[in-house]
PDB file of N, CA and C in Angstrom:
ATOM      1  N   MET A   1     -12.172  32.688 -47.973  1.00  0.00           N
ATOM      2  CA  MET A   1     -12.991  33.591 -47.561  1.00  0.00           C
ATOM      3  C   MET A   1     -11.930  35.031 -47.880  1.00  0.00           C
ATOM      4  N   THR A   2     -11.011  35.267 -48.415  1.00  0.00           N
ATOM      5  CA  THR A   2     -10.729  36.227 -49.439  1.00  0.00           C
ATOM      6  C   THR A   2     -11.293  35.970 -50.718  1.00  0.00           C
ATOM      7  N   LYS A   3     -11.262  34.543 -50.831  1.00  0.00           N
ATOM      8  CA  LYS A   3     -11.584  35.000 -52.478  1.00  0.00           C
ATOM      9  C   LYS A   3     -13.182  34.796 -52.727  1.00  0.00           C
ATOM     10  N   GLN A   4     -13.996  34.234 -51.850  1.00  0.00           N
ATOM     11  CA  GLN A   4     -15.458  34.750 -51.892  1.00  0.00           C
ATOM     12  C   GLN A   4     -15.845  36.092 -52.008  1.00  0.00           C
ATOM     13  N   LYS A   5     -15.117  37.151 -50.509  1.00  0.00           N
ATOM     14  CA  LYS A   5     -15.314  38.343 -50.798  1.00  0.00           C
ATOM     15  C   LYS A   5     -15.185  39.015 -51.953  1.00  0.00           C
ATOM     16  N   TYR A   6     -13.759  38.875 -52.921  1.00  0.00           N
ATOM     17  CA  TYR A   6     -13.781  38.932 -54.094  1.00  0.00           C
ATOM     18  C   TYR A   6     -14.543  38.672 -55.305  1.00  0.00           C
ATOM     19  N   ASN A   7     -15.263  37.498 -55.525  1.00  0.00           N
ATOM     20  CA  ASN A   7     -15.822  37.440 -55.895  1.00  0.00           C
ATOM     21  C   ASN A   7     -17.087  37.594 -56.246  1.00  0.00           C
ATOM     22  N   LYS A   8     -17.852  38.252 -54.813  1.00  0.00           N
ATOM     23  CA  LYS A   8     -18.847  39.296 -54.476  1.00  0.00           C
ATOM     24  C   LYS A   8     -18.330  40.423 -54.907  1.00  0.00           C
ATOM     25  N   GLY A   9     -17.494  41.005 -55.587  1.00  0.00           N
ATOM     26  CA  GLY A   9     -16.562  42.221 -55.481  1.00  0.00           C
ATOM     27  C   GLY A   9     -16.882  43.498 -54.652  1.00  0.00           C
ATOM     28  N   LEU A  10     -16.325  43.039 -53.246  1.00  0.00           N
ATOM     29  CA  LEU A  10     -16.021  43.268 -52.244  1.00  0.00           C
ATOM     30  C   LEU A  10     -13.968  43.423 -51.883  1.00  0.00           C
ATOM     31  N   TYR A  11     -13.819  44.531 -52.596  1.00  0.00           N
ATOM     32  CA  TYR A  11     -12.464  44.573 -52.702  1.00  0.00           C
ATOM     33  C   TYR A  11     -12.109  46.345 -51.619  1.00  0.00           C
ATOM     34  N   SER A  12     -10.802  45.192 -50.912  1.00  0.00           N
ATOM     35  CA  SER A  12     -10.657  46.112 -49.809  1.00  0.00           C
ATOM     36  C   SER A  12      -9.698  47.340 -50.564  1.00  0.00           C
ATOM     37  N   ASN A  13      -8.919  46.852 -51.318  1.00  0.00           N
ATOM     38  CA  ASN A  13      -7.361  47.705 -51.730  1.00  0.00           C
ATOM     39  C   ASN A  13      -8.167  48.430 -53.138  1.00  0.00           C
ATOM     40  N   ASN A  14      -7.616  50.016 -53.490  1.00  0.00           N
ATOM     41  CA  ASN A  14      -7.883  50.352 -54.836  1.00  0.00           C
ATOM     42  C   ASN A  14      -7.014  49.589 -55.406  1.00  0.00           C
ATOM     43  N   TYR A  15      -6.901  49.364 -56.409  1.00  0.00           N
ATOM     44  CA  TYR A  15      -5.908  49.270 -57.305  1.00  0.00           C
ATOM     45  C   TYR A  15      -5.041  50.247 -58.233  1.00  0.00           C
ATOM     46  N   SER A  16      -3.913  50.107 -58.311  1.00  0.00           N
ATOM     47  CA  SER A  16      -2.874  51.200 -58.550  1.00  0.00           C
ATOM     48  C   SER A  16      -2.214  50.560 -59.345  1.00  0.00           C
ATOM     49  N   TYR A  17      -1.422  51.340 -60.497  1.00  0.00           N
ATOM     50  CA  TYR A  17      -0.476  50.774 -61.228  1.00  0.00           C
ATOM     51  C   TYR A  17       0.364  51.902 -61.895  1.00  0.00           C
ATOM     52  N   THR A  18       1.937  51.656 -61.542  1.00  0.00           N
ATOM     53  CA  THR A  18       2.953  53.159 -62.121  1.00  0.00           C
ATOM     54  C   THR A  18       3.777  51.484 -62.690  1.00  0.00           C
ATOM     55  N   TYR A  19       3.973  52.519 -64.082  1.00  0.00           N
ATOM     56  CA  TYR A  19       5.126  51.474 -64.381  1.00  0.00           C
ATOM     57  C   TYR A  19       6.968  52.687 -64.048  1.00  0.00           C
ATOM     58  N   LYS A  20       7.694  51.825 -63.996  1.00  0.00           N
ATOM     59  CA  LYS A  20       9.061  52.399 -64.021  1.00  0.00           C
ATOM     60  C   LYS A  20       9.986  51.457 -64.634  1.00  0.00           C
ATOM     61  N   SER A  21      10.672  52.354 -65.283  1.00  0.00           N
ATOM     62  CA  SER A  21      11.818  51.646 -66.533  1.00  0.00           C
ATOM     63  C   SER A  21      13.098  51.897 -65.604  1.00  0.00           C
ATOM     64  N   ASN A  22      13.546  50.623 -66.357  1.00  0.00           N
ATOM     65  CA  ASN A  22      15.143  50.310 -65.516  1.00  0.00           C
ATOM     66  C   ASN A  22      16.035  50.842 -66.488  1.00  0.00           C
ATOM     67  N   VAL A  23      15.613  51.676 -67.464  1.00  0.00           N
ATOM     68  CA  VAL A  23      16.762  52.450 -67.716  1.00  0.00           C
ATOM     69  C   VAL A  23      16.097  53.727 -67.547  1.00  0.00           C
ATOM     70  N   PRO A  24      17.939  54.005 -66.784  1.00  0.00           N
ATOM     71  CA  PRO A  24      17.843  55.220 -66.576  1.00  0.00           C
ATOM     72  C   PRO A  24      17.997  56.600 -66.498  1.00  0.00           C
ATOM     73  N   ASN A  25      18.038  56.256 -67.902  1.00  0.00           N
ATOM     74  CA  ASN A  25      18.240  57.566 -69.398  1.00  0.00           C
ATOM     75  C   ASN A  25      17.473  56.871 -70.156  1.00  0.00           C
ATOM     76  N   GLU A  26      17.573  57.953 -71.668  1.00  0.00           N
ATOM     77  CA  GLU A  26      16.282  58.069 -72.228  1.00  0.00           C
ATOM     78  C   GLU A  26      17.293  57.918 -74.001  1.00  0.00           C
ATOM     79  N   LEU A  27      18.056  57.513 -73.748  1.00  0.00           N
ATOM     80  CA  LEU A  27      18.919  57.173 -75.458  1.00  0.00           C
ATOM     81  C   LEU A  27      18.455  56.470 -75.928  1.00  0.00           C
ATOM     82  N   SER A  28      18.390  56.431 -77.323  1.00  0.00           N
ATOM     83  CA  SER A  28      17.776  55.362 -77.548  1.00  0.00           C
ATOM     84  C   SER A  28      18.840  53.734 -78.295  1.00  0.00           C
ATOM     85  N   ASP A  29      18.766  52.942 -78.713  1.00  0.00           N
ATOM     86  CA  ASP A  29      19.177  51.707 -78.441  1.00  0.00           C
ATOM     87  C   ASP A  29      20.759  52.690 -79.806  1.00  0.00           C
ATOM     88  N   PHE A  30      20.200  52.967 -80.696  1.00  0.00           N
ATOM     89  CA  PHE A  30      22.017  52.817 -81.086  1.00  0.00           C
ATOM     90  C   PHE A  30      22.597  54.038 -80.398  1.00  0.00           C
ATOM     91  N   ASN A  31      21.905  55.116 -79.571  1.00  0.00           N
ATOM     92  CA  ASN A  31      22.703  56.000 -79.105  1.00  0.00           C
ATOM     93  C   ASN A  31      23.012  55.138 -77.617  1.00  0.00           C
ATOM     94  N   MET A  32      22.935  53.868 -77.359  1.00  0.00           N
ATOM     95  CA  MET A  32      23.482  53.691 -76.121  1.00  0.00           C
ATOM     96  C   MET A  32      24.652  52.835 -76.487  1.00  0.00           C
ATOM     97  N   GLY A  33      24.251  51.948 -78.114  1.00  0.00           N
ATOM     98  CA  GLY A  33      25.809  50.923 -78.389  1.00  0.00           C
ATOM     99  C   GLY A  33      26.692  51.427 -79.054  1.00  0.00           C
ATOM    100  N   GLN A  34      26.241  52.948 -79.331  1.00  0.00           N
ATOM    101  CA  GLN A  34      27.665  53.953 -79.740  1.00  0.00           C
ATOM    102  C   GLN A  34      28.078  54.434 -78.618  1.00  0.00           C
ATOM    103  N   ARG A  35      27.565  54.674 -77.368  1.00  0.00           N
ATOM    104  CA  ARG A  35      28.611  55.238 -76.365  1.00  0.00           C
ATOM    105  C   ARG A  35      28.826  53.863 -75.524  1.00  0.00           C
ATOM    106  N   ASN A  36      28.492  52.898 -75.639  1.00  0.00           N
ATOM    107  CA  ASN A  36      29.630  51.646 -74.971  1.00  0.00           C
ATOM    108  C   ASN A  36      30.723  51.361 -75.975  1.00  0.00           C
ATOM    109  N   ALA A  37      30.325  51.773 -77.716  1.00  0.00           N
ATOM    110  CA  ALA A  37      31.680  51.479 -78.457  1.00  0.00           C
ATOM    111  C   ALA A  37      32.881  52.641 -77.928  1.00  0.00           C
ATOM    112  N   TYR A  38      32.501  53.882 -77.915  1.00  0.00           N
ATOM    113  CA  TYR A  38      33.334  54.843 -76.968  1.00  0.00           C
ATOM    114  C   TYR A  38      34.044  54.986 -75.637  1.00  0.00           C
ATOM    115  N   TYR A  39      33.487  53.948 -75.093  1.00  0.00           N
ATOM    116  CA  TYR A  39      33.704  53.601 -73.534  1.00  0.00           C
ATOM    117  C   TYR A  39      34.620  52.651 -73.778  1.00  0.00           C
ATOM    118  N   ASP A  40      34.050  51.588 -74.834  1.00  0.00           N
ATOM    119  CA  ASP A  40      35.086  50.380 -74.582  1.00  0.00           C
ATOM    120  C   ASP A  40      36.550  50.718 -75.451  1.00  0.00           C
ATOM    121  N   TYR A  41      36.659  51.784 -76.527  1.00  0.00           N
ATOM    122  CA  TYR A  41      37.587  52.744 -77.073  1.00  0.00           C
ATOM    123  C   TYR A  41      38.582  53.423 -76.112  1.00  0.00           C
ATOM    124  N   LYS A  42      38.127  54.286 -75.100  1.00  0.00           N
ATOM    125  CA  LYS A  42      38.597  54.710 -74.324  1.00  0.00           C
ATOM    126  C   LYS A  42      39.111  54.001 -73.296  1.00  0.00           C
ATOM    127  N   ASN A  43      38.940  53.078 -72.679  1.00  0.00           N
ATOM    128  CA  ASN A  43      39.478  52.332 -71.394  1.00  0.00           C
ATOM    129  C   ASN A  43      39.888  50.710 -71.740  1.00  0.00           C
ATOM    130  N   LYS A  44      39.536  50.190 -73.058  1.00  0.00           N
ATOM    131  CA  LYS A  44      40.270  49.226 -72.978  1.00  0.00           C
ATOM    132  C   LYS A  44      40.515  48.479 -74.577  1.00  0.00           C
ATOM    133  N   LYS A  45      40.397  49.677 -75.309  1.00  0.00           N
ATOM    134  CA  LYS A  45      41.634  50.255 -76.406  1.00  0.00           C
ATOM    135  C   LYS A  45      41.367  48.722 -77.926  1.00  0.00           C
ATOM    136  N   HIS A  46      40.170  48.029 -77.345  1.00  0.00           N
ATOM    137  CA  HIS A  46      39.757  47.243 -77.997  1.00  0.00           C
ATOM    138  C   HIS A  46      37.900  47.166 -78.564  1.00  0.00           C
ATOM    139  N   PHE A  47      37.602  46.353 -78.957  1.00  0.00           N
ATOM    140  CA  PHE A  47      36.109  46.502 -79.515  1.00  0.00           C
ATOM    141  C   PHE A  47      35.752  44.904 -79.412  1.00  0.00           C
ATOM    142  N   LYS A  48      34.203  45.144 -79.292  1.00  0.00           N
ATOM    143  CA  LYS A  48      33.813  43.696 -79.148  1.00  0.00           C
ATOM    144  C   LYS A  48      32.742  43.527 -80.163  1.00  0.00           C
ATOM    145  N   LEU A  49      33.166  41.926 -80.429  1.00  0.00           N
ATOM    146  CA  LEU A  49      32.365  41.455 -81.408  1.00  0.00           C
ATOM    147  C   LEU A  49      31.220  41.030 -81.358  1.00  0.00           C
ATOM    148  N   TYR A  50      29.767  41.624 -81.972  1.00  0.00           N
ATOM    149  CA  TYR A  50      28.927  40.439 -82.009  1.00  0.00           C
ATOM    150  C   TYR A  50      28.237  40.050 -83.731  1.00  0.00           C
ATOM    151  N   PRO A  51      27.638  38.998 -82.922  1.00  0.00           N
ATOM    152  CA  PRO A  51      26.543  38.387 -84.068  1.00  0.00           C
ATOM    153  C   PRO A  51      25.979  38.906 -84.481  1.00  0.00           C
ATOM    154  N   LYS A  52      26.391  40.268 -85.632  1.00  0.00           N
ATOM    155  CA  LYS A  52      25.203  41.385 -86.576  1.00  0.00           C
ATOM    156  C   LYS A  52      24.540  40.045 -87.420  1.00  0.00           C
ATOM    157  N   LEU A  53      24.828  39.306 -88.076  1.00  0.00           N
ATOM    158  CA  LEU A  53      24.093  38.252 -89.108  1.00  0.00           C
ATOM    159  C   LEU A  53      23.388  37.735 -88.151  1.00  0.00           C
ATOM    160  N   LEU A  54      23.455  37.029 -87.282  1.00  0.00           N
ATOM    161  CA  LEU A  54      22.933  36.100 -86.209  1.00  0.00           C
ATOM    162  C   LEU A  54      21.032  36.799 -85.649  1.00  0.00           C
ATOM    163  N   ILE A  55      21.725  38.179 -85.785  1.00  0.00           N
ATOM    164  CA  ILE A  55      20.947  38.742 -85.051  1.00  0.00           C
ATOM    165  C   ILE A  55      19.999  39.501 -85.963  1.00  0.00           C
ATOM    166  N   ASN A  56      20.084  39.544 -87.151  1.00  0.00           N
ATOM    167  CA  ASN A  56      19.638  39.794 -88.268  1.00  0.00           C
ATOM    168  C   ASN A  56      18.271  38.707 -88.736  1.00  0.00           C
ATOM    169  N   PHE A  57      19.276  37.492 -88.309  1.00  0.00           N
ATOM    170  CA  PHE A  57      17.933  37.364 -88.977  1.00  0.00           C
ATOM    171  C   PHE A  57      16.969  36.197 -88.059  1.00  0.00           C
ATOM    172  N   LEU A  58      17.588  36.025 -86.597  1.00  0.00           N
ATOM    173  CA  LEU A  58      17.051  36.170 -85.568  1.00  0.00           C
ATOM    174  C   LEU A  58      15.828  36.818 -85.345  1.00  0.00           C
ATOM    175  N   ASN A  59      15.813  38.252 -85.635  1.00  0.00           N
ATOM    176  CA  ASN A  59      15.211  39.401 -85.336  1.00  0.00           C
ATOM    177  C   ASN A  59      14.222  38.942 -86.500  1.00  0.00           C
ATOM    178  N   LEU A  60      14.459  38.784 -87.559  1.00  0.00           N
ATOM    179  CA  LEU A  60      13.526  38.600 -88.829  1.00  0.00           C
ATOM    180  C   LEU A  60      12.852  37.436 -88.670  1.00  0.00           C
ATOM    181  N   ILE A  61      12.789  36.238 -88.124  1.00  0.00           N
ATOM    182  CA  ILE A  61      12.588  35.242 -88.070  1.00  0.00           C
ATOM    183  C   ILE A  61      11.115  34.701 -86.527  1.00  0.00           C
ATOM    184  N   SER A  62      11.922  36.530 -85.975  1.00  0.00           N
ATOM    185  CA  SER A  62      10.800  36.341 -84.489  1.00  0.00           C
ATOM    186  C   SER A  62       9.663  37.015 -84.376  1.00  0.00           C
ATOM    187  N   ASN A  63       9.934  37.706 -85.904  1.00  0.00           N
ATOM    188  CA  ASN A  63       8.540  39.091 -85.999  1.00  0.00           C
ATOM    189  C   ASN A  63       8.926  40.677 -85.710  1.00  0.00           C
ATOM    190  N   HIS A  64      10.572  40.697 -85.658  1.00  0.00           N
ATOM    191  CA  HIS A  64      11.346  41.702 -84.939  1.00  0.00           C
ATOM    192  C   HIS A  64      10.781  42.028 -83.855  1.00  0.00           C
ATOM    193  N   ARG A  65      10.815  40.599 -83.360  1.00  0.00           N
ATOM    194  CA  ARG A  65      10.898  41.146 -81.743  1.00  0.00           C
ATOM    195  C   ARG A  65      12.374  41.584 -81.188  1.00  0.00           C
ATOM    196  N   LEU A  66      13.631  41.240 -81.555  1.00  0.00           N
ATOM    197  CA  LEU A  66      15.003  42.071 -81.407  1.00  0.00           C
ATOM    198  C   LEU A  66      15.034  43.230 -81.800  1.00  0.00           C
ATOM    199  N   ASN A  67      14.179  44.059 -82.371  1.00  0.00           N
ATOM    200  CA  ASN A  67      14.931  44.921 -82.608  1.00  0.00           C
ATOM    201  C   ASN A  67      16.260  46.197 -81.593  1.00  0.00           C
ATOM    202  N   GLU A  68      15.452  46.137 -80.755  1.00  0.00           N
ATOM    203  CA  GLU A  68      16.411  46.489 -79.812  1.00  0.00           C
ATOM    204  C   GLU A  68      17.852  46.462 -79.584  1.00  0.00           C
ATOM    205  N   ILE A  69      18.301  44.977 -79.443  1.00  0.00           N
ATOM    206  CA  ILE A  69      19.141  44.618 -80.128  1.00  0.00           C
ATOM    207  C   ILE A  69      20.175  44.518 -81.137  1.00  0.00           C
ATOM    208  N   LYS A  70      19.452  44.700 -82.663  1.00  0.00           N
ATOM    209  CA  LYS A  70      19.767  44.935 -83.566  1.00  0.00           C
ATOM    210  C   LYS A  70      20.325  46.308 -83.216  1.00  0.00           C
ATOM    211  N   GLU A  71      19.377  47.510 -83.076  1.00  0.00           N
ATOM    212  CA  GLU A  71      19.500  48.837 -82.609  1.00  0.00           C
ATOM    213  C   GLU A  71      20.511  48.828 -82.287  1.00  0.00           C
ATOM    214  N   TYR A  72      21.055  48.188 -81.031  1.00  0.00           N
ATOM    215  CA  TYR A  72      22.182  48.785 -80.064  1.00  0.00           C
ATOM    216  C   TYR A  72      23.615  48.206 -81.049  1.00  0.00           C
ATOM    217  N   ILE A  73      23.042  47.211 -81.908  1.00  0.00           N
ATOM    218  CA  ILE A  73      24.780  46.240 -82.582  1.00  0.00           C
ATOM    219  C   ILE A  73      24.798  47.727 -83.715  1.00  0.00           C
ATOM    220  N   ASP A  74      24.011  48.099 -84.241  1.00  0.00           N
ATOM    221  CA  ASP A  74      24.015  48.490 -85.223  1.00  0.00           C
ATOM    222  C   ASP A  74      25.586  50.184 -84.758  1.00  0.00           C
ATOM    223  N   GLY A  75      24.374  50.162 -83.661  1.00  0.00           N
ATOM    224  CA  GLY A  75      25.314  51.783 -83.140  1.00  0.00           C
ATOM    225  C   GLY A  75      26.760  51.635 -83.119  1.00  0.00           C
ATOM    226  N   TYR A  76      27.095  50.256 -81.952  1.00  0.00           N
ATOM    227  CA  TYR A  76      27.931  49.874 -81.439  1.00  0.00           C
ATOM    228  C   TYR A  76      28.905  49.806 -82.701  1.00  0.00           C
ATOM    229  N   ASN A  77      29.231  49.161 -84.063  1.00  0.00           N
ATOM    230  CA  ASN A  77      29.323  48.615 -84.876  1.00  0.00           C
ATOM    231  C   ASN A  77      29.712  50.205 -85.854  1.00  0.00           C
ATOM    232  N   TYR A  78      28.985  50.871 -85.532  1.00  0.00           N
ATOM    233  CA  TYR A  78      28.385  52.240 -86.538  1.00  0.00           C
ATOM    234  C   TYR A  78      30.315  52.958 -85.717  1.00  0.00           C
ATOM    235  N   GLU A  79      29.797  53.553 -84.432  1.00  0.00           N
ATOM    236  CA  GLU A  79      30.672  54.288 -84.092  1.00  0.00           C
ATOM    237  C   GLU A  79      32.314  53.881 -83.552  1.00  0.00           C
ATOM    238  N   SER A  80      32.073  51.997 -83.770  1.00  0.00           N
ATOM    239  CA  SER A  80      33.869  51.560 -83.911  1.00  0.00           C
ATOM    240  C   SER A  80      34.263  51.753 -85.000  1.00  0.00           C
ATOM    241  N   LYS A  81      33.597  51.965 -85.719  1.00  0.00           N
ATOM    242  CA  LYS A  81      33.969  52.098 -87.421  1.00  0.00           C
ATOM    243  C   LYS A  81      34.606  53.590 -87.503  1.00  0.00           C
ATOM    244  N   ARG A  82      33.644  54.018 -86.740  1.00  0.00           N
ATOM    245  CA  ARG A  82      34.536  55.550 -86.880  1.00  0.00           C
ATOM    246  C   ARG A  82      35.663  55.593 -85.966  1.00  0.00           C
ATOM    247  N   LEU A  83      35.566  55.279 -84.918  1.00  0.00           N
ATOM    248  CA  LEU A  83      37.109  55.601 -84.485  1.00  0.00           C
ATOM    249  C   LEU A  83      37.729  54.883 -84.704  1.00  0.00           C
ATOM    250  N   LYS A  84      38.335  53.559 -85.291  1.00  0.00           N
ATOM    251  CA  LYS A  84      38.623  52.844 -86.658  1.00  0.00           C
ATOM    252  C   LYS A  84      39.527  53.965 -87.266  1.00  0.00           C
ATOM    253  N   SER A  85      38.895  54.694 -87.603  1.00  0.00           N
ATOM    254  CA  SER A  85      38.949  55.724 -88.888  1.00  0.00           C
ATOM    255  C   SER A  85      40.000  56.521 -87.891  1.00  0.00           C
ATOM    256  N   LYS A  86      39.730  57.274 -87.234  1.00  0.00           N
ATOM    257  CA  LYS A  86      40.704  57.887 -86.640  1.00  0.00           C
ATOM    258  C   LYS A  86      41.800  58.348 -86.557  1.00  0.00           C
TER     259      LYS A  86
END
């Protein structure tokens, strides 16, 4: 019954779509990596080791679909090097 009405163009509800991001702030991926490196330095006193070479390779073969992860790792590594040199 519903499918027949739909096929005839008799729609009972108007369609509406709103996008809601899961990310609570507007930081770039690089800045999120920096922030997490700073958090690790202040709270845990050690840094995580991310497989940058592997992510770069996977990003290359996946037609740059892993850019967000790559940028996050770049930011994390940049900030961890900066904090280590203090």
